[in-house]
Amino acid sequence: MLAKNPYRGKYVVFEGIDGSGKDTQISLLEPELIKKSIKYVRTAEPTTFLPTGLLIKALLRGRYNFDPRTTTLLFLADSHEHLRLKVIPHLKKGHWVISSRSFLSTLAYQTTLGVEEEFIESILDRLDFILPDTIILLDVDAETALSRKGKEKVKQIYEEKDFLENVRTAYLKFAKRFDFIHVIDGSRDPFEIAEDVRRILGFI
């Protein structure tokens, strides 16, 4: 079983398909954290400071054609080292860690690609992953998400409407399993969503 966060800090993750508004909501949350004098670090997966994360970004742009299981192992390796080198050290100090994506992204995307859920969960267990205290799942349909990303020059291999809709379904399935995952309608005004986020985190 995945372990709960045993450290003093709070681990908060924003999840959802690409274009769901994760980075926007993290940016809207930051002033609230500053106002309340909460020490925090903002981070994301895939990482940008590890070679695993850089390889993943190249893979997502279509430079490599890995087997889905190999891709899964790469995502989990990056996530594990992210936890070990950045997330956990800050949690030990009592800081909040605000992350865009976590292990849940790997579960949702890679099972949609056909990788067995049991395969992923066995690795999560063996590598002693810890659970976030709170996951905010921003739920939007694929059409909305893709319209938001339409202006981006760099396209990623997972940006197909039917595929993203299936990932969305997977996210919602996993959300029913964990009581710390809060599903929010991500198609609304960003400031309305931000108010829901503050309420979930106990700020209002």
C-alpha atoms as a PDB file:
ATOM      1  CA  MET A   1       0.000   0.000   0.000  1.00  0.00           C
ATOM      2  CA  LEU A   2       1.122   3.542  -0.693  1.00  0.00           C
ATOM      3  CA  ALA A   3       2.073   5.342   2.503  1.00  0.00           C
ATOM      4  CA  LYS A   4       0.534   8.569   3.754  1.00  0.00           C
ATOM      5  CA  ASN A   5       2.768  11.606   4.014  1.00  0.00           C
ATOM      6  CA  PRO A   6       4.588  11.178   7.357  1.00  0.00           C
ATOM      7  CA  TYR A   7       6.269  14.584   7.318  1.00  0.00           C
ATOM      8  CA  ARG A   8       5.382  17.994   8.782  1.00  0.00           C
ATOM      9  CA  GLY A   9       4.851  19.717   5.450  1.00  0.00           C
ATOM     10  CA  LYS A  10       1.789  19.462   3.233  1.00  0.00           C
ATOM     11  CA  TYR A  11       1.946  17.868  -0.217  1.00  0.00           C
ATOM     12  CA  VAL A  12      -0.665  19.307  -2.604  1.00  0.00           C
ATOM     13  CA  VAL A  13      -0.935  18.162  -6.233  1.00  0.00           C
ATOM     14  CA  PHE A  14      -2.926  19.534  -9.153  1.00  0.00           C
ATOM     15  CA  GLU A  15      -3.926  16.917 -11.718  1.00  0.00           C
ATOM     16  CA  GLY A  16      -5.824  16.724 -14.991  1.00  0.00           C
ATOM     17  CA  ILE A  17      -5.331  16.275 -18.701  1.00  0.00           C
ATOM     18  CA  ASP A  18      -3.131  18.755 -20.549  1.00  0.00           C
ATOM     19  CA  GLY A  19      -4.998  22.038 -20.829  1.00  0.00           C
ATOM     20  CA  SER A  20      -7.086  21.519 -17.693  1.00  0.00           C
ATOM     21  CA  GLY A  21      -5.641  24.590 -15.970  1.00  0.00           C
ATOM     22  CA  LYS A  22      -3.167  23.154 -13.468  1.00  0.00           C
ATOM     23  CA  ASP A  23      -0.517  25.852 -13.833  1.00  0.00           C
ATOM     24  CA  THR A  24      -3.138  28.613 -13.785  1.00  0.00           C
ATOM     25  CA  GLN A  25      -4.561  27.369 -10.502  1.00  0.00           C
ATOM     26  CA  ILE A  26      -1.142  26.990  -8.910  1.00  0.00           C
ATOM     27  CA  SER A  27      -0.357  30.586  -9.894  1.00  0.00           C
ATOM     28  CA  LEU A  28      -3.643  31.747  -8.346  1.00  0.00           C
ATOM     29  CA  LEU A  29      -2.910  29.799  -5.158  1.00  0.00           C
ATOM     30  CA  GLU A  30       0.570  31.257  -4.623  1.00  0.00           C
ATOM     31  CA  PRO A  31      -0.573  34.711  -3.400  1.00  0.00           C
ATOM     32  CA  GLU A  32      -2.759  32.986  -0.803  1.00  0.00           C
ATOM     33  CA  LEU A  33       0.205  30.978   0.480  1.00  0.00           C
ATOM     34  CA  ILE A  34       2.344  34.119   0.634  1.00  0.00           C
ATOM     35  CA  LYS A  35      -0.406  36.051   2.437  1.00  0.00           C
ATOM     36  CA  LYS A  36      -0.605  33.321   5.054  1.00  0.00           C
ATOM     37  CA  SER A  37       3.205  33.213   5.394  1.00  0.00           C
ATOM     38  CA  ILE A  38       3.299  29.565   4.356  1.00  0.00           C
ATOM     39  CA  LYS A  39       6.715  28.460   3.167  1.00  0.00           C
ATOM     40  CA  TYR A  40       6.295  26.486  -0.021  1.00  0.00           C
ATOM     41  CA  VAL A  41       7.986  25.233  -3.157  1.00  0.00           C
ATOM     42  CA  ARG A  42       6.374  24.994  -6.572  1.00  0.00           C
ATOM     43  CA  THR A  43       7.333  22.021  -8.705  1.00  0.00           C
ATOM     44  CA  ALA A  44       6.107  19.752 -11.489  1.00  0.00           C
ATOM     45  CA  GLU A  45       6.382  16.363 -13.127  1.00  0.00           C
ATOM     46  CA  PRO A  46       7.974  15.493 -15.454  1.00  0.00           C
ATOM     47  CA  THR A  47      10.891  17.278 -13.849  1.00  0.00           C
ATOM     48  CA  THR A  48      13.102  19.797 -15.578  1.00  0.00           C
ATOM     49  CA  PHE A  49      16.143  19.322 -13.320  1.00  0.00           C
ATOM     50  CA  LEU A  50      16.662  15.577 -13.844  1.00  0.00           C
ATOM     51  CA  PRO A  51      17.819  13.754 -16.998  1.00  0.00           C
ATOM     52  CA  THR A  52      14.800  11.469 -16.729  1.00  0.00           C
ATOM     53  CA  GLY A  53      12.472  14.444 -17.018  1.00  0.00           C
ATOM     54  CA  LEU A  54      14.336  15.852 -20.018  1.00  0.00           C
ATOM     55  CA  LEU A  55      14.153  12.456 -21.733  1.00  0.00           C
ATOM     56  CA  ILE A  56      10.405  12.308 -21.064  1.00  0.00           C
ATOM     57  CA  LYS A  57       9.912  15.732 -22.628  1.00  0.00           C
ATOM     58  CA  ALA A  58      11.790  14.584 -25.742  1.00  0.00           C
ATOM     59  CA  LEU A  59       9.673  11.435 -25.827  1.00  0.00           C
ATOM     60  CA  LEU A  60       6.455  13.451 -25.570  1.00  0.00           C
ATOM     61  CA  ARG A  61       7.541  15.479 -28.591  1.00  0.00           C
ATOM     62  CA  GLY A  62       7.855  12.288 -30.615  1.00  0.00           C
ATOM     63  CA  ARG A  63      11.640  11.972 -30.726  1.00  0.00           C
ATOM     64  CA  TYR A  64      11.527   8.376 -29.427  1.00  0.00           C
ATOM     65  CA  ASN A  65       9.088   5.514 -29.786  1.00  0.00           C
ATOM     66  CA  PHE A  66       9.307   3.580 -26.517  1.00  0.00           C
ATOM     67  CA  ASP A  67       7.226   0.596 -25.522  1.00  0.00           C
ATOM     68  CA  PRO A  68       4.427   1.734 -23.135  1.00  0.00           C
ATOM     69  CA  ARG A  69       5.900  -0.300 -20.257  1.00  0.00           C
ATOM     70  CA  THR A  70       9.328   1.272 -20.820  1.00  0.00           C
ATOM     71  CA  THR A  71       7.705   4.706 -20.869  1.00  0.00           C
ATOM     72  CA  THR A  72       5.905   3.864 -17.627  1.00  0.00           C
ATOM     73  CA  LEU A  73       9.174   2.909 -15.955  1.00  0.00           C
ATOM     74  CA  LEU A  74      10.712   6.182 -17.094  1.00  0.00           C
ATOM     75  CA  PHE A  75       7.818   8.230 -15.705  1.00  0.00           C
ATOM     76  CA  LEU A  76       7.947   6.374 -12.382  1.00  0.00           C
ATOM     77  CA  ALA A  77      11.722   6.748 -12.129  1.00  0.00           C
ATOM     78  CA  ASP A  78      11.434  10.496 -12.667  1.00  0.00           C
ATOM     79  CA  SER A  79       8.592  10.745 -10.150  1.00  0.00           C
ATOM     80  CA  HIS A  80      10.497   8.725  -7.551  1.00  0.00           C
ATOM     81  CA  GLU A  81      13.637  10.836  -7.837  1.00  0.00           C
ATOM     82  CA  HIS A  82      11.504  13.970  -7.750  1.00  0.00           C
ATOM     83  CA  LEU A  83      10.061  12.795  -4.450  1.00  0.00           C
ATOM     84  CA  ARG A  84      13.446  11.807  -3.062  1.00  0.00           C
ATOM     85  CA  LEU A  85      15.418  14.876  -4.117  1.00  0.00           C
ATOM     86  CA  LYS A  86      12.876  17.691  -3.921  1.00  0.00           C
ATOM     87  CA  VAL A  87       9.478  16.867  -2.467  1.00  0.00           C
ATOM     88  CA  ILE A  88      10.471  14.968   0.674  1.00  0.00           C
ATOM     89  CA  PRO A  89      13.332  17.315   1.719  1.00  0.00           C
ATOM     90  CA  HIS A  90      10.887  20.241   1.702  1.00  0.00           C
ATOM     91  CA  LEU A  91       8.172  18.266   3.501  1.00  0.00           C
ATOM     92  CA  LYS A  92      10.683  17.383   6.216  1.00  0.00           C
ATOM     93  CA  LYS A  93      11.301  21.103   6.737  1.00  0.00           C
ATOM     94  CA  GLY A  94       7.582  21.670   7.207  1.00  0.00           C
ATOM     95  CA  HIS A  95       7.150  23.395   3.852  1.00  0.00           C
ATOM     96  CA  TRP A  96       4.192  22.966   1.540  1.00  0.00           C
ATOM     97  CA  VAL A  97       4.980  21.339  -1.803  1.00  0.00           C
ATOM     98  CA  ILE A  98       2.666  22.423  -4.635  1.00  0.00           C
ATOM     99  CA  SER A  99       3.099  20.157  -7.647  1.00  0.00           C
ATOM    100  CA  SER A 100       1.650  19.944 -11.119  1.00  0.00           C
ATOM    101  CA  ARG A 101       1.208  16.182 -11.568  1.00  0.00           C
ATOM    102  CA  SER A 102       2.286  13.159  -9.541  1.00  0.00           C
ATOM    103  CA  PHE A 103       2.040   9.374  -9.726  1.00  0.00           C
ATOM    104  CA  LEU A 104      -1.667   9.726 -10.566  1.00  0.00           C
ATOM    105  CA  SER A 105      -0.783  11.049 -14.028  1.00  0.00           C
ATOM    106  CA  THR A 106       1.206   7.902 -14.708  1.00  0.00           C
ATOM    107  CA  LEU A 107      -1.719   5.742 -13.630  1.00  0.00           C
ATOM    108  CA  ALA A 108      -4.225   7.629 -15.774  1.00  0.00           C
ATOM    109  CA  TYR A 109      -2.150   8.027 -18.934  1.00  0.00           C
ATOM    110  CA  GLN A 110      -0.291   4.725 -18.977  1.00  0.00           C
ATOM    111  CA  THR A 111      -3.265   2.503 -18.175  1.00  0.00           C
ATOM    112  CA  THR A 112      -5.049   4.259 -21.050  1.00  0.00           C
ATOM    113  CA  LEU A 113      -2.147   3.122 -23.233  1.00  0.00           C
ATOM    114  CA  GLY A 114      -2.772  -0.449 -22.102  1.00  0.00           C
ATOM    115  CA  VAL A 115      -0.239  -0.840 -19.295  1.00  0.00           C
ATOM    116  CA  GLU A 116      -1.630  -3.004 -16.508  1.00  0.00           C
ATOM    117  CA  GLU A 117      -2.693  -1.138 -13.401  1.00  0.00           C
ATOM    118  CA  GLU A 118      -1.160  -3.897 -11.258  1.00  0.00           C
ATOM    119  CA  PHE A 119       2.216  -3.408 -12.980  1.00  0.00           C
ATOM    120  CA  ILE A 120       2.262   0.294 -12.077  1.00  0.00           C
ATOM    121  CA  GLU A 121       1.001  -0.183  -8.523  1.00  0.00           C
ATOM    122  CA  SER A 122       3.559  -2.907  -7.796  1.00  0.00           C
ATOM    123  CA  ILE A 123       6.349  -0.457  -8.638  1.00  0.00           C
ATOM    124  CA  LEU A 124       4.761   2.307  -6.597  1.00  0.00           C
ATOM    125  CA  ASP A 125       4.700  -0.050  -3.616  1.00  0.00           C
ATOM    126  CA  ARG A 126       8.268  -1.269  -4.074  1.00  0.00           C
ATOM    127  CA  LEU A 127       9.693   2.247  -4.383  1.00  0.00           C
ATOM    128  CA  ASP A 128       7.908   3.506  -1.259  1.00  0.00           C
ATOM    129  CA  PHE A 129       6.005   6.330  -2.940  1.00  0.00           C
ATOM    130  CA  ILE A 130       4.084   8.585  -0.561  1.00  0.00           C
ATOM    131  CA  LEU A 131       0.600   9.877  -1.189  1.00  0.00           C
ATOM    132  CA  PRO A 132      -0.153  13.598  -1.504  1.00  0.00           C
ATOM    133  CA  ASP A 133      -2.223  15.077   1.313  1.00  0.00           C
ATOM    134  CA  THR A 134      -4.556  16.592  -1.271  1.00  0.00           C
ATOM    135  CA  ILE A 135      -5.028  16.137  -5.005  1.00  0.00           C
ATOM    136  CA  ILE A 136      -7.078  18.717  -6.909  1.00  0.00           C
ATOM    137  CA  LEU A 137      -8.329  17.045 -10.095  1.00  0.00           C
ATOM    138  CA  LEU A 138      -9.369  19.675 -12.628  1.00  0.00           C
ATOM    139  CA  ASP A 139     -11.913  17.936 -14.810  1.00  0.00           C
ATOM    140  CA  VAL A 140     -12.428  19.236 -18.360  1.00  0.00           C
ATOM    141  CA  ASP A 141     -13.433  17.469 -21.549  1.00  0.00           C
ATOM    142  CA  ALA A 142     -10.846  16.861 -24.231  1.00  0.00           C
ATOM    143  CA  GLU A 143     -12.278  19.404 -26.650  1.00  0.00           C
ATOM    144  CA  THR A 144     -12.011  22.194 -24.072  1.00  0.00           C
ATOM    145  CA  ALA A 145      -8.488  21.173 -23.118  1.00  0.00           C
ATOM    146  CA  LEU A 146      -7.266  21.038 -26.712  1.00  0.00           C
ATOM    147  CA  SER A 147      -8.839  24.408 -27.532  1.00  0.00           C
ATOM    148  CA  ARG A 148      -6.847  25.948 -24.682  1.00  0.00           C
ATOM    149  CA  LYS A 149      -3.625  24.443 -26.019  1.00  0.00           C
ATOM    150  CA  GLY A 150      -4.362  25.303 -29.657  1.00  0.00           C
ATOM    151  CA  LYS A 151      -1.894  28.178 -29.789  1.00  0.00           C
ATOM    152  CA  GLU A 152       1.093  26.149 -28.625  1.00  0.00           C
ATOM    153  CA  LYS A 153       3.725  25.531 -31.276  1.00  0.00           C
ATOM    154  CA  VAL A 154       5.066  22.311 -29.754  1.00  0.00           C
ATOM    155  CA  LYS A 155       2.601  19.446 -29.948  1.00  0.00           C
ATOM    156  CA  GLN A 156       2.879  16.336 -27.816  1.00  0.00           C
ATOM    157  CA  ILE A 157       2.172  12.739 -28.756  1.00  0.00           C
ATOM    158  CA  TYR A 158      -0.654  12.373 -26.232  1.00  0.00           C
ATOM    159  CA  GLU A 159      -2.671  15.297 -27.587  1.00  0.00           C
ATOM    160  CA  GLU A 160      -5.376  13.365 -29.433  1.00  0.00           C
ATOM    161  CA  LYS A 161      -9.006  14.046 -28.565  1.00  0.00           C
ATOM    162  CA  ASP A 162     -10.174  10.443 -28.137  1.00  0.00           C
ATOM    163  CA  PHE A 163      -7.091   9.500 -26.163  1.00  0.00           C
ATOM    164  CA  LEU A 164      -7.447  12.470 -23.801  1.00  0.00           C
ATOM    165  CA  GLU A 165     -11.114  11.691 -23.248  1.00  0.00           C
ATOM    166  CA  ASN A 166     -10.122   8.164 -22.223  1.00  0.00           C
ATOM    167  CA  VAL A 167      -7.466   9.576 -19.881  1.00  0.00           C
ATOM    168  CA  ARG A 168     -10.131  11.807 -18.370  1.00  0.00           C
ATOM    169  CA  THR A 169     -12.286   8.720 -17.737  1.00  0.00           C
ATOM    170  CA  ALA A 170      -9.328   6.988 -16.094  1.00  0.00           C
ATOM    171  CA  TYR A 171      -8.702   9.987 -13.834  1.00  0.00           C
ATOM    172  CA  LEU A 172     -12.326   9.980 -12.690  1.00  0.00           C
ATOM    173  CA  LYS A 173     -12.154   6.253 -12.006  1.00  0.00           C
ATOM    174  CA  PHE A 174      -9.099   6.624  -9.786  1.00  0.00           C
ATOM    175  CA  ALA A 175     -10.650   9.644  -8.054  1.00  0.00           C
ATOM    176  CA  LYS A 176     -13.346   7.363  -6.659  1.00  0.00           C
ATOM    177  CA  ARG A 177     -10.695   5.220  -4.993  1.00  0.00           C
ATOM    178  CA  PHE A 178      -8.950   7.897  -2.949  1.00  0.00           C
ATOM    179  CA  ASP A 179     -10.799  10.203  -0.563  1.00  0.00           C
ATOM    180  CA  PHE A 180      -8.110  12.894  -0.782  1.00  0.00           C
ATOM    181  CA  ILE A 181      -8.797  13.480  -4.499  1.00  0.00           C
ATOM    182  CA  HIS A 182     -11.174  16.387  -5.011  1.00  0.00           C
ATOM    183  CA  VAL A 183     -12.741  16.679  -8.469  1.00  0.00           C
ATOM    184  CA  ILE A 184     -13.453  20.236  -9.623  1.00  0.00           C
ATOM    185  CA  ASP A 185     -15.182  21.345 -12.813  1.00  0.00           C
ATOM    186  CA  GLY A 186     -12.230  22.914 -14.614  1.00  0.00           C
ATOM    187  CA  SER A 187     -14.278  24.452 -17.418  1.00  0.00           C
ATOM    188  CA  ARG A 188     -15.474  27.355 -15.258  1.00  0.00           C
ATOM    189  CA  ASP A 189     -13.972  30.783 -14.654  1.00  0.00           C
ATOM    190  CA  PRO A 190     -10.456  30.347 -13.188  1.00  0.00           C
ATOM    191  CA  PHE A 191     -11.232  32.599 -10.217  1.00  0.00           C
ATOM    192  CA  GLU A 192     -14.309  30.545  -9.310  1.00  0.00           C
ATOM    193  CA  ILE A 193     -12.155  27.425  -9.414  1.00  0.00           C
ATOM    194  CA  ALA A 194      -9.503  29.119  -7.278  1.00  0.00           C
ATOM    195  CA  GLU A 195     -12.131  29.817  -4.629  1.00  0.00           C
ATOM    196  CA  ASP A 196     -13.014  26.117  -4.559  1.00  0.00           C
ATOM    197  CA  VAL A 197      -9.331  25.283  -4.195  1.00  0.00           C
ATOM    198  CA  ARG A 198      -8.961  27.632  -1.233  1.00  0.00           C
ATOM    199  CA  ARG A 199     -12.041  26.070   0.374  1.00  0.00           C
ATOM    200  CA  ILE A 200     -10.674  22.546  -0.075  1.00  0.00           C
ATOM    201  CA  LEU A 201      -7.369  23.579   1.475  1.00  0.00           C
ATOM    202  CA  GLY A 202      -9.164  25.134   4.457  1.00  0.00           C
ATOM    203  CA  PHE A 203      -8.318  28.743   3.678  1.00  0.00           C
ATOM    204  CA  ILE A 204     -11.969  29.897   3.578  1.00  0.00           C
END
